[in-house]
All heavy atoms as atom14 arrays in JSON, in Angstrom:
{
  "sequence": "LLILLALFMMGPFLWLLSVSLMPGRNVFASPPAILPTFIAFDNYV",
  "atom14_mask": [
    [1, 1, 1, 1, 1, 1, 1, 1, 0, 0, 0, 0, 0, 0],
    [1, 1, 1, 1, 1, 1, 1, 1, 0, 0, 0, 0, 0, 0],
    [1, 1, 1, 1, 1, 1, 1, 1, 0, 0, 0, 0, 0, 0],
    [1, 1, 1, 1, 1, 1, 1, 1, 0, 0, 0, 0, 0, 0],
    [1, 1, 1, 1, 1, 1, 1, 1, 0, 0, 0, 0, 0, 0],
    [1, 1, 1, 1, 1, 0, 0, 0, 0, 0, 0, 0, 0, 0],
    [1, 1, 1, 1, 1, 1, 1, 1, 0, 0, 0, 0, 0, 0],
    [1, 1, 1, 1, 1, 1, 1, 1, 1, 1, 1, 0, 0, 0],
    [1, 1, 1, 1, 1, 1, 1, 1, 0, 0, 0, 0, 0, 0],
    [1, 1, 1, 1, 1, 1, 1, 1, 0, 0, 0, 0, 0, 0],
    [1, 1, 1, 1, 0, 0, 0, 0, 0, 0, 0, 0, 0, 0],
    [1, 1, 1, 1, 1, 1, 1, 0, 0, 0, 0, 0, 0, 0],
    [1, 1, 1, 1, 1, 1, 1, 1, 1, 1, 1, 0, 0, 0],
    [1, 1, 1, 1, 1, 1, 1, 1, 0, 0, 0, 0, 0, 0],
    [1, 1, 1, 1, 1, 1, 1, 1, 1, 1, 1, 1, 1, 1],
    [1, 1, 1, 1, 1, 1, 1, 1, 0, 0, 0, 0, 0, 0],
    [1, 1, 1, 1, 1, 1, 1, 1, 0, 0, 0, 0, 0, 0],
    [1, 1, 1, 1, 1, 1, 0, 0, 0, 0, 0, 0, 0, 0],
    [1, 1, 1, 1, 1, 1, 1, 0, 0, 0, 0, 0, 0, 0],
    [1, 1, 1, 1, 1, 1, 0, 0, 0, 0, 0, 0, 0, 0],
    [1, 1, 1, 1, 1, 1, 1, 1, 0, 0, 0, 0, 0, 0],
    [1, 1, 1, 1, 1, 1, 1, 1, 0, 0, 0, 0, 0, 0],
    [1, 1, 1, 1, 1, 1, 1, 0, 0, 0, 0, 0, 0, 0],
    [1, 1, 1, 1, 0, 0, 0, 0, 0, 0, 0, 0, 0, 0],
    [1, 1, 1, 1, 1, 1, 1, 1, 1, 1, 1, 0, 0, 0],
    [1, 1, 1, 1, 1, 1, 1, 1, 0, 0, 0, 0, 0, 0],
    [1, 1, 1, 1, 1, 1, 1, 0, 0, 0, 0, 0, 0, 0],
    [1, 1, 1, 1, 1, 1, 1, 1, 1, 1, 1, 0, 0, 0],
    [1, 1, 1, 1, 1, 0, 0, 0, 0, 0, 0, 0, 0, 0],
    [1, 1, 1, 1, 1, 1, 0, 0, 0, 0, 0, 0, 0, 0],
    [1, 1, 1, 1, 1, 1, 1, 0, 0, 0, 0, 0, 0, 0],
    [1, 1, 1, 1, 1, 1, 1, 0, 0, 0, 0, 0, 0, 0],
    [1, 1, 1, 1, 1, 0, 0, 0, 0, 0, 0, 0, 0, 0],
    [1, 1, 1, 1, 1, 1, 1, 1, 0, 0, 0, 0, 0, 0],
    [1, 1, 1, 1, 1, 1, 1, 1, 0, 0, 0, 0, 0, 0],
    [1, 1, 1, 1, 1, 1, 1, 0, 0, 0, 0, 0, 0, 0],
    [1, 1, 1, 1, 1, 1, 1, 0, 0, 0, 0, 0, 0, 0],
    [1, 1, 1, 1, 1, 1, 1, 1, 1, 1, 1, 0, 0, 0],
    [1, 1, 1, 1, 1, 1, 1, 1, 0, 0, 0, 0, 0, 0],
    [1, 1, 1, 1, 1, 0, 0, 0, 0, 0, 0, 0, 0, 0],
    [1, 1, 1, 1, 1, 1, 1, 1, 1, 1, 1, 0, 0, 0],
    [1, 1, 1, 1, 1, 1, 1, 1, 0, 0, 0, 0, 0, 0],
    [1, 1, 1, 1, 1, 1, 1, 1, 0, 0, 0, 0, 0, 0],
    [1, 1, 1, 1, 1, 1, 1, 1, 1, 1, 1, 1, 0, 0],
    [1, 1, 1, 1, 1, 1, 1, 0, 0, 0, 0, 0, 0, 0]
  ],
  "atom14_positions": [
    [[98.08, 66.06, 82.36], [97.1, 66.78, 81.55], [96.21, 67.67, 82.42], [95.89, 68.8, 82.03], [96.25, 65.77, 80.78], [96.96, 64.99, 79.66], [96.02, 63.98, 79.03], [97.51, 65.94, 78.59], [0.0, 0.0, 0.0], [0.0, 0.0, 0.0], [0.0, 0.0, 0.0], [0.0, 0.0, 0.0], [0.0, 0.0, 0.0], [0.0, 0.0, 0.0]],
    [[95.82, 67.17, 83.59], [94.99, 67.97, 84.48], [95.75, 69.2, 84.99], [95.18, 70.3, 85.1], [94.5, 67.13, 85.67], [93.45, 66.06, 85.35], [93.16, 65.22, 86.59], [92.17, 66.7, 84.84], [0.0, 0.0, 0.0], [0.0, 0.0, 0.0], [0.0, 0.0, 0.0], [0.0, 0.0, 0.0], [0.0, 0.0, 0.0], [0.0, 0.0, 0.0]],
    [[97.02, 69.03, 85.3], [97.83, 70.17, 85.76], [97.98, 71.2, 84.65], [97.85, 72.41, 84.89], [99.2, 69.68, 86.25], [99.04, 68.88, 87.55], [100.14, 70.86, 86.49], [100.31, 68.21, 88.02], [0.0, 0.0, 0.0], [0.0, 0.0, 0.0], [0.0, 0.0, 0.0], [0.0, 0.0, 0.0], [0.0, 0.0, 0.0], [0.0, 0.0, 0.0]],
    [[98.23, 70.74, 83.43], [98.35, 71.67, 82.31], [97.03, 72.4, 82.06], [97.02, 73.61, 81.78], [98.78, 70.91, 81.05], [100.21, 70.35, 81.06], [100.46, 69.53, 79.8], [101.23, 71.47, 81.19], [0.0, 0.0, 0.0], [0.0, 0.0, 0.0], [0.0, 0.0, 0.0], [0.0, 0.0, 0.0], [0.0, 0.0, 0.0], [0.0, 0.0, 0.0]],
    [[95.91, 71.67, 82.17], [94.6, 72.3, 81.98], [94.35, 73.33, 83.08], [93.83, 74.42, 82.82], [93.5, 71.24, 81.98], [92.07, 71.74, 81.83], [91.9, 72.46, 80.49], [91.08, 70.59, 81.95], [0.0, 0.0, 0.0], [0.0, 0.0, 0.0], [0.0, 0.0, 0.0], [0.0, 0.0, 0.0], [0.0, 0.0, 0.0], [0.0, 0.0, 0.0]],
    [[94.71, 72.99, 84.33], [94.52, 73.93, 85.44], [95.36, 75.19, 85.24], [94.89, 76.31, 85.47], [94.89, 73.25, 86.76], [0.0, 0.0, 0.0], [0.0, 0.0, 0.0], [0.0, 0.0, 0.0], [0.0, 0.0, 0.0], [0.0, 0.0, 0.0], [0.0, 0.0, 0.0], [0.0, 0.0, 0.0], [0.0, 0.0, 0.0], [0.0, 0.0, 0.0]],
    [[96.61, 75.03, 84.79], [97.46, 76.19, 84.54], [96.9, 77.05, 83.41], [96.96, 78.28, 83.46], [98.89, 75.74, 84.2], [99.68, 75.11, 85.36], [101.02, 74.59, 84.85], [99.89, 76.13, 86.47], [0.0, 0.0, 0.0], [0.0, 0.0, 0.0], [0.0, 0.0, 0.0], [0.0, 0.0, 0.0], [0.0, 0.0, 0.0], [0.0, 0.0, 0.0]],
    [[96.35, 76.38, 82.39], [95.75, 77.13, 81.27], [94.54, 77.92, 81.74], [94.37, 79.09, 81.38], [95.35, 76.16, 80.16], [94.62, 76.82, 79.02], [95.31, 77.58, 78.09], [93.25, 76.68, 78.89], [94.64, 78.2, 77.04], [92.57, 77.3, 77.86], [93.27, 78.05, 76.93], [0.0, 0.0, 0.0], [0.0, 0.0, 0.0], [0.0, 0.0, 0.0]],
    [[93.69, 77.3, 82.57], [92.51, 77.98, 83.07], [92.87, 79.1, 84.05], [92.2, 80.12, 84.12], [91.57, 76.99, 83.75], [91.05, 75.89, 82.85], [90.07, 76.53, 81.47], [88.64, 77.15, 82.35], [0.0, 0.0, 0.0], [0.0, 0.0, 0.0], [0.0, 0.0, 0.0], [0.0, 0.0, 0.0], [0.0, 0.0, 0.0], [0.0, 0.0, 0.0]],
    [[93.95, 78.91, 84.79], [94.38, 79.92, 85.75], [95.29, 80.98, 85.14], [95.71, 81.9, 85.84], [95.12, 79.25, 86.92], [94.26, 78.37, 87.8], [95.22, 77.59, 89.12], [95.79, 79.05, 90.02], [0.0, 0.0, 0.0], [0.0, 0.0, 0.0], [0.0, 0.0, 0.0], [0.0, 0.0, 0.0], [0.0, 0.0, 0.0], [0.0, 0.0, 0.0]],
    [[95.56, 80.84, 83.84], [96.48, 81.77, 83.18], [96.14, 83.24, 83.37], [96.98, 84.03, 83.82], [0.0, 0.0, 0.0], [0.0, 0.0, 0.0], [0.0, 0.0, 0.0], [0.0, 0.0, 0.0], [0.0, 0.0, 0.0], [0.0, 0.0, 0.0], [0.0, 0.0, 0.0], [0.0, 0.0, 0.0], [0.0, 0.0, 0.0], [0.0, 0.0, 0.0]],
    [[94.89, 83.66, 83.05], [94.54, 85.08, 83.24], [94.68, 85.55, 84.69], [95.13, 86.66, 84.94], [93.07, 85.14, 82.77], [92.93, 83.99, 81.84], [93.82, 82.91, 82.39], [0.0, 0.0, 0.0], [0.0, 0.0, 0.0], [0.0, 0.0, 0.0], [0.0, 0.0, 0.0], [0.0, 0.0, 0.0], [0.0, 0.0, 0.0], [0.0, 0.0, 0.0]],
    [[94.3, 84.67, 85.64], [94.41, 85.05, 87.06], [95.87, 85.21, 87.46], [96.24, 86.18, 88.16], [93.73, 84.0, 87.92], [93.9, 84.22, 89.4], [93.11, 85.14, 90.07], [94.85, 83.52, 90.11], [93.26, 85.35, 91.43], [95.02, 83.72, 91.47], [94.22, 84.64, 92.13], [0.0, 0.0, 0.0], [0.0, 0.0, 0.0], [0.0, 0.0, 0.0]],
    [[96.72, 84.27, 87.03], [98.14, 84.36, 87.38], [98.79, 85.57, 86.73], [99.66, 86.22, 87.34], [98.85, 83.07, 86.95], [98.4, 81.79, 87.67], [99.12, 80.58, 87.1], [98.66, 81.9, 89.17], [0.0, 0.0, 0.0], [0.0, 0.0, 0.0], [0.0, 0.0, 0.0], [0.0, 0.0, 0.0], [0.0, 0.0, 0.0], [0.0, 0.0, 0.0]],
    [[98.4, 85.88, 85.5], [98.95, 87.07, 84.82], [98.51, 88.33, 85.56], [99.3, 89.25, 85.74], [98.47, 87.1, 83.38], [98.92, 88.33, 82.64], [100.14, 88.56, 82.09], [98.13, 89.49, 82.36], [100.17, 89.8, 81.48], [98.94, 90.39, 81.63], [96.81, 89.87, 82.64], [98.49, 91.62, 81.2], [96.36, 91.09, 82.21], [97.2, 91.95, 81.5]],
    [[97.25, 88.38, 85.97], [96.76, 89.54, 86.72], [97.5, 89.7, 88.04], [97.86, 90.82, 88.44], [95.26, 89.4, 86.97], [94.49, 90.66, 87.37], [94.49, 91.67, 86.24], [93.07, 90.31, 87.77], [0.0, 0.0, 0.0], [0.0, 0.0, 0.0], [0.0, 0.0, 0.0], [0.0, 0.0, 0.0], [0.0, 0.0, 0.0], [0.0, 0.0, 0.0]],
    [[97.75, 88.59, 88.73], [98.52, 88.63, 89.97], [99.93, 89.14, 89.72], [100.46, 89.95, 90.5], [98.56, 87.24, 90.61], [99.4, 87.09, 91.87], [98.85, 87.97, 92.99], [99.44, 85.63, 92.31], [0.0, 0.0, 0.0], [0.0, 0.0, 0.0], [0.0, 0.0, 0.0], [0.0, 0.0, 0.0], [0.0, 0.0, 0.0], [0.0, 0.0, 0.0]],
    [[100.52, 88.7, 88.63], [101.86, 89.15, 88.29], [101.89, 90.64, 87.99], [102.78, 91.37, 88.44], [102.39, 88.36, 87.09], [103.66, 88.82, 86.68], [0.0, 0.0, 0.0], [0.0, 0.0, 0.0], [0.0, 0.0, 0.0], [0.0, 0.0, 0.0], [0.0, 0.0, 0.0], [0.0, 0.0, 0.0], [0.0, 0.0, 0.0], [0.0, 0.0, 0.0]],
    [[100.89, 91.12, 87.26], [100.83, 92.54, 86.93], [100.66, 93.39, 88.18], [101.26, 94.46, 88.31], [99.66, 92.81, 85.95], [99.43, 94.31, 85.78], [99.95, 92.17, 84.61], [0.0, 0.0, 0.0], [0.0, 0.0, 0.0], [0.0, 0.0, 0.0], [0.0, 0.0, 0.0], [0.0, 0.0, 0.0], [0.0, 0.0, 0.0], [0.0, 0.0, 0.0]],
    [[99.87, 92.89, 89.15], [99.64, 93.66, 90.36], [100.9, 93.82, 91.2], [100.97, 94.69, 92.08], [98.55, 93.0, 91.21], [99.0, 91.76, 91.74], [0.0, 0.0, 0.0], [0.0, 0.0, 0.0], [0.0, 0.0, 0.0], [0.0, 0.0, 0.0], [0.0, 0.0, 0.0], [0.0, 0.0, 0.0], [0.0, 0.0, 0.0], [0.0, 0.0, 0.0]],
    [[101.91, 93.01, 90.94], [103.16, 93.06, 91.7], [104.27, 93.78, 90.96], [105.43, 93.71, 91.36], [103.61, 91.64, 92.06], [102.66, 90.84, 92.94], [103.13, 89.4, 93.1], [102.5, 91.49, 94.3], [0.0, 0.0, 0.0], [0.0, 0.0, 0.0], [0.0, 0.0, 0.0], [0.0, 0.0, 0.0], [0.0, 0.0, 0.0], [0.0, 0.0, 0.0]],
    [[103.9, 94.46, 89.85], [104.91, 95.19, 89.05], [104.59, 96.68, 89.08], [103.88, 97.18, 88.2], [104.93, 94.67, 87.61], [105.43, 93.25, 87.48], [105.7, 92.75, 85.77], [104.03, 92.79, 85.15], [0.0, 0.0, 0.0], [0.0, 0.0, 0.0], [0.0, 0.0, 0.0], [0.0, 0.0, 0.0], [0.0, 0.0, 0.0], [0.0, 0.0, 0.0]],
    [[105.04, 97.41, 90.06], [104.71, 98.84, 90.14], [105.41, 99.64, 89.06], [106.56, 99.42, 88.72], [105.24, 99.23, 91.54], [106.32, 98.24, 91.82], [105.88, 96.96, 91.17], [0.0, 0.0, 0.0], [0.0, 0.0, 0.0], [0.0, 0.0, 0.0], [0.0, 0.0, 0.0], [0.0, 0.0, 0.0], [0.0, 0.0, 0.0], [0.0, 0.0, 0.0]],
    [[104.62, 100.58, 88.48], [105.21, 101.51, 87.52], [105.6, 100.9, 86.21], [106.44, 101.45, 85.49], [0.0, 0.0, 0.0], [0.0, 0.0, 0.0], [0.0, 0.0, 0.0], [0.0, 0.0, 0.0], [0.0, 0.0, 0.0], [0.0, 0.0, 0.0], [0.0, 0.0, 0.0], [0.0, 0.0, 0.0], [0.0, 0.0, 0.0], [0.0, 0.0, 0.0]],
    [[105.02, 99.78, 85.82], [105.4, 99.11, 84.59], [104.19, 98.95, 83.69], [103.13, 98.49, 84.12], [105.99, 97.72, 84.89], [106.36, 96.9, 83.65], [107.58, 97.49, 82.94], [107.9, 96.73, 81.74], [108.68, 95.65, 81.73], [109.22, 95.2, 82.86], [108.96, 95.02, 80.61], [0.0, 0.0, 0.0], [0.0, 0.0, 0.0], [0.0, 0.0, 0.0]],
    [[104.32, 99.37, 82.44], [103.25, 99.18, 81.46], [103.32, 97.76, 80.94], [104.25, 97.39, 80.22], [103.4, 100.17, 80.31], [102.2, 100.14, 79.36], [101.37, 99.23, 79.44], [102.11, 101.12, 78.49], [0.0, 0.0, 0.0], [0.0, 0.0, 0.0], [0.0, 0.0, 0.0], [0.0, 0.0, 0.0], [0.0, 0.0, 0.0], [0.0, 0.0, 0.0]],
    [[102.34, 96.94, 81.32], [102.39, 95.52, 80.99], [102.16, 95.26, 79.52], [102.43, 94.16, 79.04], [101.35, 94.74, 81.82], [101.69, 94.83, 83.28], [99.95, 95.25, 81.55], [0.0, 0.0, 0.0], [0.0, 0.0, 0.0], [0.0, 0.0, 0.0], [0.0, 0.0, 0.0], [0.0, 0.0, 0.0], [0.0, 0.0, 0.0], [0.0, 0.0, 0.0]],
    [[101.65, 96.26, 78.78], [101.41, 96.08, 77.36], [102.55, 96.63, 76.53], [102.43, 96.77, 75.31], [100.09, 96.74, 76.95], [98.9, 96.16, 77.64], [98.25, 96.85, 78.64], [98.44, 94.89, 77.3], [97.15, 96.3, 79.29], [97.35, 94.34, 77.93], [96.71, 95.05, 78.92], [0.0, 0.0, 0.0], [0.0, 0.0, 0.0], [0.0, 0.0, 0.0]],
    [[103.64, 96.95, 77.19], [104.81, 97.42, 76.46], [105.44, 96.25, 75.71], [105.14, 95.08, 75.95], [105.82, 98.06, 77.41], [0.0, 0.0, 0.0], [0.0, 0.0, 0.0], [0.0, 0.0, 0.0], [0.0, 0.0, 0.0], [0.0, 0.0, 0.0], [0.0, 0.0, 0.0], [0.0, 0.0, 0.0], [0.0, 0.0, 0.0], [0.0, 0.0, 0.0]],
    [[106.34, 96.56, 74.8], [107.02, 95.52, 74.02], [108.47, 95.4, 74.5], [109.19, 96.4, 74.51], [106.98, 95.87, 72.54], [107.61, 94.85, 71.79], [0.0, 0.0, 0.0], [0.0, 0.0, 0.0], [0.0, 0.0, 0.0], [0.0, 0.0, 0.0], [0.0, 0.0, 0.0], [0.0, 0.0, 0.0], [0.0, 0.0, 0.0], [0.0, 0.0, 0.0]],
    [[108.91, 94.2, 74.9], [108.14, 92.95, 75.03], [107.28, 92.95, 76.28], [107.63, 93.6, 77.26], [109.25, 91.89, 75.12], [110.38, 92.6, 75.77], [110.32, 94.02, 75.27], [0.0, 0.0, 0.0], [0.0, 0.0, 0.0], [0.0, 0.0, 0.0], [0.0, 0.0, 0.0], [0.0, 0.0, 0.0], [0.0, 0.0, 0.0], [0.0, 0.0, 0.0]],
    [[106.15, 92.24, 76.26], [105.27, 92.23, 77.44], [105.93, 91.53, 78.61], [106.67, 90.56, 78.45], [104.03, 91.47, 76.94], [104.53, 90.61, 75.83], [105.62, 91.39, 75.16], [0.0, 0.0, 0.0], [0.0, 0.0, 0.0], [0.0, 0.0, 0.0], [0.0, 0.0, 0.0], [0.0, 0.0, 0.0], [0.0, 0.0, 0.0], [0.0, 0.0, 0.0]],
    [[105.65, 92.01, 79.8], [106.21, 91.43, 81.02], [105.21, 90.42, 81.58], [104.11, 90.79, 81.98], [106.49, 92.51, 82.04], [0.0, 0.0, 0.0], [0.0, 0.0, 0.0], [0.0, 0.0, 0.0], [0.0, 0.0, 0.0], [0.0, 0.0, 0.0], [0.0, 0.0, 0.0], [0.0, 0.0, 0.0], [0.0, 0.0, 0.0], [0.0, 0.0, 0.0]],
    [[105.58, 89.15, 81.57], [104.7, 88.1, 82.05], [104.9, 87.85, 83.54], [103.95, 87.77, 84.3], [104.94, 86.79, 81.27], [104.77, 87.04, 79.77], [104.0, 85.71, 81.76], [103.39, 87.51, 79.38], [0.0, 0.0, 0.0], [0.0, 0.0, 0.0], [0.0, 0.0, 0.0], [0.0, 0.0, 0.0], [0.0, 0.0, 0.0], [0.0, 0.0, 0.0]],
    [[106.18, 87.78, 83.96], [106.49, 87.54, 85.36], [107.09, 88.79, 85.98], [107.83, 89.53, 85.31], [107.48, 86.36, 85.49], [106.98, 85.01, 84.98], [108.09, 83.97, 85.07], [105.76, 84.55, 85.76], [0.0, 0.0, 0.0], [0.0, 0.0, 0.0], [0.0, 0.0, 0.0], [0.0, 0.0, 0.0], [0.0, 0.0, 0.0], [0.0, 0.0, 0.0]],
    [[106.78, 89.05, 87.23], [107.35, 90.24, 87.87], [108.85, 90.09, 88.08], [109.34, 89.03, 88.45], [106.61, 90.3, 89.21], [106.2, 88.89, 89.48], [105.92, 88.27, 88.13], [0.0, 0.0, 0.0], [0.0, 0.0, 0.0], [0.0, 0.0, 0.0], [0.0, 0.0, 0.0], [0.0, 0.0, 0.0], [0.0, 0.0, 0.0], [0.0, 0.0, 0.0]],
    [[109.58, 91.16, 87.8], [111.03, 91.13, 88.02], [111.35, 91.14, 89.51], [112.38, 90.63, 89.92], [111.68, 92.33, 87.33], [111.04, 93.54, 87.8], [111.52, 92.24, 85.82], [0.0, 0.0, 0.0], [0.0, 0.0, 0.0], [0.0, 0.0, 0.0], [0.0, 0.0, 0.0], [0.0, 0.0, 0.0], [0.0, 0.0, 0.0], [0.0, 0.0, 0.0]],
    [[110.48, 91.76, 90.31], [110.59, 91.7, 91.76], [109.2, 91.89, 92.34], [108.3, 92.41, 91.68], [111.55, 92.76, 92.3], [111.08, 94.18, 92.04], [110.36, 94.86, 93.02], [111.35, 94.82, 90.85], [109.93, 96.15, 92.8], [110.91, 96.11, 90.62], [110.21, 96.78, 91.6], [0.0, 0.0, 0.0], [0.0, 0.0, 0.0], [0.0, 0.0, 0.0]],
    [[109.02, 91.44, 93.57], [107.71, 91.49, 94.22], [107.63, 92.71, 95.11], [108.47, 92.91, 95.99], [107.46, 90.21, 95.04], [107.4, 89.0, 94.11], [106.16, 90.33, 95.83], [107.22, 87.69, 94.85], [0.0, 0.0, 0.0], [0.0, 0.0, 0.0], [0.0, 0.0, 0.0], [0.0, 0.0, 0.0], [0.0, 0.0, 0.0], [0.0, 0.0, 0.0]],
    [[106.63, 93.54, 94.85], [106.38, 94.73, 95.67], [104.88, 94.92, 95.78], [104.13, 94.61, 94.85], [107.03, 95.96, 95.05], [0.0, 0.0, 0.0], [0.0, 0.0, 0.0], [0.0, 0.0, 0.0], [0.0, 0.0, 0.0], [0.0, 0.0, 0.0], [0.0, 0.0, 0.0], [0.0, 0.0, 0.0], [0.0, 0.0, 0.0], [0.0, 0.0, 0.0]],
    [[104.44, 95.45, 96.9], [103.01, 95.63, 97.17], [102.62, 97.1, 97.11], [101.62, 97.48, 97.71], [102.67, 95.02, 98.52], [102.87, 93.54, 98.6], [104.06, 93.01, 99.07], [101.88, 92.67, 98.19], [104.25, 91.64, 99.13], [102.05, 91.3, 98.25], [103.25, 90.77, 98.72], [0.0, 0.0, 0.0], [0.0, 0.0, 0.0], [0.0, 0.0, 0.0]],
    [[103.39, 97.9, 96.39], [103.09, 99.33, 96.29], [101.73, 99.56, 95.65], [100.98, 100.46, 96.06], [104.18, 100.04, 95.49], [105.54, 99.98, 96.2], [105.55, 99.65, 97.4], [106.56, 100.26, 95.55], [0.0, 0.0, 0.0], [0.0, 0.0, 0.0], [0.0, 0.0, 0.0], [0.0, 0.0, 0.0], [0.0, 0.0, 0.0], [0.0, 0.0, 0.0]],
    [[101.4, 98.78, 94.61], [100.12, 98.97, 93.93], [98.95, 98.75, 94.88], [97.96, 99.49, 94.86], [100.0, 98.0, 92.75], [100.91, 98.39, 91.61], [101.18, 99.57, 91.38], [101.42, 97.4, 90.89], [0.0, 0.0, 0.0], [0.0, 0.0, 0.0], [0.0, 0.0, 0.0], [0.0, 0.0, 0.0], [0.0, 0.0, 0.0], [0.0, 0.0, 0.0]],
    [[99.05, 97.74, 95.72], [97.97, 97.44, 96.66], [97.81, 98.57, 97.68], [96.68, 98.98, 97.98], [98.26, 96.12, 97.39], [98.15, 94.91, 96.51], [99.26, 94.43, 95.8], [96.94, 94.24, 96.35], [99.17, 93.31, 94.99], [96.84, 93.13, 95.54], [97.95, 92.67, 94.86], [97.84, 91.58, 94.05], [0.0, 0.0, 0.0], [0.0, 0.0, 0.0]],
    [[98.91, 99.06, 98.2], [98.85, 100.14, 99.19], [98.27, 101.41, 98.58], [97.39, 102.07, 99.15], [100.25, 100.41, 99.77], [100.21, 101.61, 100.71], [100.77, 99.18, 100.5], [0.0, 0.0, 0.0], [0.0, 0.0, 0.0], [0.0, 0.0, 0.0], [0.0, 0.0, 0.0], [0.0, 0.0, 0.0], [0.0, 0.0, 0.0], [0.0, 0.0, 0.0]]
  ]
}
């Protein structure tokens, strides 16, 4: 239960981290992309 609660509380942060690793992708497109298809740091650079 504590792990599930922690994942629920960290949900927005984990989603934001995932979005930051998806270059050139509209995250609000249909269907929404929850997990990155590949990891790239282009957005950060």
